[in-house]
N, C-alpha and C. Protein backbone atom coordinates (compact mmCIF):
# COMPACT_ATOMS: atom_id res chain seq x y z
N GLN A 1 -67.59 50.52 -29.70
CA GLN A 1 -66.57 49.48 -29.72
C GLN A 1 -65.36 49.90 -30.53
N GLY A 2 -65.01 51.16 -30.50
CA GLY A 2 -63.82 51.62 -31.21
C GLY A 2 -64.03 51.94 -32.67
N ARG A 3 -65.28 51.96 -33.12
CA ARG A 3 -65.55 52.27 -34.53
C ARG A 3 -65.11 53.68 -34.88
N TRP A 4 -65.07 54.55 -33.90
CA TRP A 4 -64.66 55.93 -34.15
C TRP A 4 -63.27 55.98 -34.76
N ARG A 5 -62.39 55.07 -34.35
CA ARG A 5 -61.01 55.07 -34.84
C ARG A 5 -60.96 54.89 -36.36
N ALA A 6 -61.73 53.96 -36.89
CA ALA A 6 -61.76 53.72 -38.34
C ALA A 6 -62.27 54.95 -39.08
N HIS A 7 -63.28 55.62 -38.53
CA HIS A 7 -63.82 56.82 -39.17
C HIS A 7 -62.80 57.95 -39.18
N VAL A 8 -62.10 58.15 -38.07
CA VAL A 8 -61.09 59.20 -37.99
C VAL A 8 -59.95 58.93 -38.96
N GLU A 9 -59.47 57.69 -39.00
CA GLU A 9 -58.37 57.35 -39.91
C GLU A 9 -58.77 57.54 -41.37
N ALA A 10 -60.00 57.16 -41.71
CA ALA A 10 -60.48 57.33 -43.09
C ALA A 10 -60.57 58.81 -43.46
N ALA A 11 -61.11 59.62 -42.57
CA ALA A 11 -61.22 61.05 -42.83
C ALA A 11 -59.84 61.69 -42.95
N TYR A 12 -58.92 61.30 -42.08
CA TYR A 12 -57.57 61.85 -42.10
C TYR A 12 -56.87 61.54 -43.42
N SER A 13 -57.12 60.36 -43.96
CA SER A 13 -56.47 59.97 -45.21
C SER A 13 -56.91 60.85 -46.38
N LEU A 14 -58.03 61.54 -46.24
CA LEU A 14 -58.55 62.41 -47.30
C LEU A 14 -58.03 63.84 -47.21
N LEU A 15 -57.36 64.18 -46.10
CA LEU A 15 -56.87 65.55 -45.92
C LEU A 15 -55.65 65.82 -46.79
N SER A 16 -55.57 67.03 -47.29
CA SER A 16 -54.37 67.50 -47.97
C SER A 16 -53.39 67.97 -46.91
N GLU A 17 -52.12 68.15 -47.28
CA GLU A 17 -51.14 68.70 -46.35
C GLU A 17 -51.65 70.04 -45.85
N GLY A 18 -51.59 70.25 -44.56
CA GLY A 18 -52.10 71.48 -43.96
C GLY A 18 -53.59 71.47 -43.74
N GLY A 19 -54.27 70.39 -44.17
CA GLY A 19 -55.71 70.27 -43.99
C GLY A 19 -56.07 70.10 -42.53
N ARG A 20 -57.29 70.48 -42.20
CA ARG A 20 -57.75 70.45 -40.81
C ARG A 20 -59.08 69.71 -40.74
N MET A 21 -59.24 68.94 -39.68
CA MET A 21 -60.53 68.28 -39.44
C MET A 21 -60.83 68.31 -37.96
N ALA A 22 -62.10 68.19 -37.65
CA ALA A 22 -62.55 68.13 -36.27
C ALA A 22 -63.49 66.94 -36.13
N ALA A 23 -63.46 66.33 -34.95
CA ALA A 23 -64.34 65.18 -34.70
C ALA A 23 -64.77 65.19 -33.25
N ILE A 24 -66.02 64.86 -33.01
CA ILE A 24 -66.52 64.66 -31.65
C ILE A 24 -66.33 63.19 -31.34
N LEU A 25 -65.53 62.90 -30.33
CA LEU A 25 -65.15 61.52 -30.01
C LEU A 25 -65.43 61.20 -28.55
N PRO A 26 -65.50 59.91 -28.22
CA PRO A 26 -65.60 59.55 -26.81
C PRO A 26 -64.40 60.13 -26.06
N ALA A 27 -64.63 60.61 -24.85
CA ALA A 27 -63.55 61.20 -24.07
C ALA A 27 -62.39 60.22 -23.87
N SER A 28 -62.67 58.94 -23.88
CA SER A 28 -61.62 57.94 -23.71
C SER A 28 -60.59 57.98 -24.85
N ALA A 29 -60.95 58.56 -25.99
CA ALA A 29 -60.02 58.66 -27.12
C ALA A 29 -58.84 59.56 -26.78
N ARG A 30 -59.02 60.46 -25.82
CA ARG A 30 -57.92 61.35 -25.41
C ARG A 30 -56.74 60.54 -24.86
N ASN A 31 -57.02 59.40 -24.26
CA ASN A 31 -55.97 58.57 -23.67
C ASN A 31 -55.33 57.65 -24.70
N ASN A 32 -55.93 57.53 -25.86
CA ASN A 32 -55.46 56.62 -26.89
C ASN A 32 -55.64 57.29 -28.25
N PRO A 33 -54.85 58.34 -28.51
CA PRO A 33 -55.07 59.11 -29.74
C PRO A 33 -54.94 58.26 -31.00
N PRO A 34 -55.84 58.46 -31.96
CA PRO A 34 -55.88 57.61 -33.14
C PRO A 34 -54.83 57.93 -34.20
N LEU A 35 -54.22 59.10 -34.13
CA LEU A 35 -53.31 59.52 -35.19
C LEU A 35 -51.97 59.94 -34.60
N LYS A 36 -50.93 59.72 -35.37
CA LYS A 36 -49.59 60.14 -34.97
C LYS A 36 -48.99 60.98 -36.08
N GLY A 37 -48.02 61.82 -35.75
CA GLY A 37 -47.35 62.62 -36.77
C GLY A 37 -48.16 63.78 -37.29
N CYS A 38 -49.07 64.28 -36.48
CA CYS A 38 -49.86 65.44 -36.88
C CYS A 38 -50.08 66.30 -35.64
N GLU A 39 -50.57 67.50 -35.85
CA GLU A 39 -50.88 68.37 -34.73
C GLU A 39 -52.30 68.06 -34.26
N VAL A 40 -52.42 67.69 -32.99
CA VAL A 40 -53.73 67.33 -32.43
C VAL A 40 -53.99 68.19 -31.20
N SER A 41 -55.18 68.75 -31.11
CA SER A 41 -55.59 69.45 -29.89
C SER A 41 -56.96 68.91 -29.48
N TRP A 42 -57.21 68.98 -28.19
CA TRP A 42 -58.45 68.45 -27.61
C TRP A 42 -59.17 69.54 -26.83
N SER A 43 -60.48 69.50 -26.89
CA SER A 43 -61.28 70.38 -26.04
C SER A 43 -61.36 69.76 -24.66
N SER A 44 -62.03 70.45 -23.77
CA SER A 44 -62.32 69.85 -22.48
C SER A 44 -63.35 68.72 -22.69
N VAL A 45 -63.63 67.99 -21.65
CA VAL A 45 -64.59 66.88 -21.73
C VAL A 45 -65.99 67.42 -21.44
N TYR A 46 -66.93 67.00 -22.28
CA TYR A 46 -68.33 67.38 -22.12
C TYR A 46 -69.11 66.15 -21.67
N SER A 47 -69.86 66.31 -20.59
CA SER A 47 -70.63 65.20 -20.04
C SER A 47 -72.12 65.42 -20.25
N ASN A 48 -72.83 64.34 -20.54
CA ASN A 48 -74.29 64.36 -20.66
C ASN A 48 -74.80 65.42 -21.63
N MET A 49 -74.17 65.52 -22.78
CA MET A 49 -74.56 66.53 -23.77
C MET A 49 -75.58 66.00 -24.78
N PHE A 50 -75.74 64.68 -24.84
CA PHE A 50 -76.65 64.09 -25.81
C PHE A 50 -77.74 63.33 -25.07
N ARG A 51 -78.97 63.72 -25.32
CA ARG A 51 -80.10 63.10 -24.65
C ARG A 51 -80.13 61.60 -24.95
N GLY A 52 -80.29 60.80 -23.92
CA GLY A 52 -80.40 59.36 -24.07
C GLY A 52 -79.06 58.65 -24.21
N ALA A 53 -77.97 59.39 -24.15
CA ALA A 53 -76.64 58.77 -24.26
C ALA A 53 -75.79 59.26 -23.09
N SER A 54 -75.32 58.35 -22.31
CA SER A 54 -74.52 58.75 -21.15
C SER A 54 -73.03 58.59 -21.45
N VAL A 55 -72.59 59.23 -22.52
CA VAL A 55 -71.19 59.15 -22.91
C VAL A 55 -70.55 60.53 -22.77
N ASP A 56 -69.33 60.55 -22.25
CA ASP A 56 -68.56 61.79 -22.19
C ASP A 56 -67.82 61.94 -23.51
N VAL A 57 -67.78 63.15 -24.04
CA VAL A 57 -67.15 63.38 -25.34
C VAL A 57 -66.14 64.52 -25.25
N SER A 58 -65.27 64.57 -26.24
CA SER A 58 -64.31 65.64 -26.39
C SER A 58 -64.16 65.92 -27.88
N ILE A 59 -63.81 67.14 -28.22
CA ILE A 59 -63.64 67.51 -29.62
C ILE A 59 -62.16 67.48 -29.95
N MET A 60 -61.81 66.71 -30.96
CA MET A 60 -60.44 66.62 -31.42
C MET A 60 -60.30 67.43 -32.70
N VAL A 61 -59.26 68.26 -32.76
CA VAL A 61 -58.95 69.01 -33.97
C VAL A 61 -57.57 68.57 -34.42
N VAL A 62 -57.46 68.22 -35.70
CA VAL A 62 -56.22 67.69 -36.27
C VAL A 62 -55.81 68.55 -37.45
N VAL A 63 -54.51 68.83 -37.54
CA VAL A 63 -53.94 69.50 -38.71
C VAL A 63 -52.90 68.54 -39.28
N LYS A 64 -53.04 68.21 -40.56
CA LYS A 64 -52.13 67.26 -41.21
C LYS A 64 -50.82 67.96 -41.56
N ASN A 65 -49.72 67.45 -41.03
CA ASN A 65 -48.41 68.03 -41.29
C ASN A 65 -47.93 67.69 -42.68
N LYS A 66 -47.04 68.48 -43.16
CA LYS A 66 -46.43 68.25 -44.47
C LYS A 66 -45.70 66.90 -44.48
N GLY A 67 -45.94 66.12 -45.50
CA GLY A 67 -45.27 64.84 -45.66
C GLY A 67 -45.88 63.68 -44.91
N GLU A 68 -46.99 63.90 -44.17
CA GLU A 68 -47.64 62.80 -43.45
C GLU A 68 -48.64 62.11 -44.35
N ARG A 69 -48.88 60.86 -44.09
CA ARG A 69 -49.84 60.07 -44.88
C ARG A 69 -51.09 59.79 -44.14
């Protein structure tokens, strides 16, 4: 239900300038990126990678730009 967004925002707030983080997120997050003002890259979409969960996921990598909060 969108809980991933709160986790990503909290982790991002802990990064130093130039810091990098990665997160495995629902593939739908690619259409609604949680962060602005940073460098974001996405992996391809992975389907059926977790037993018992039929969710498609993608890996987001973020680099915090200088001066971003």
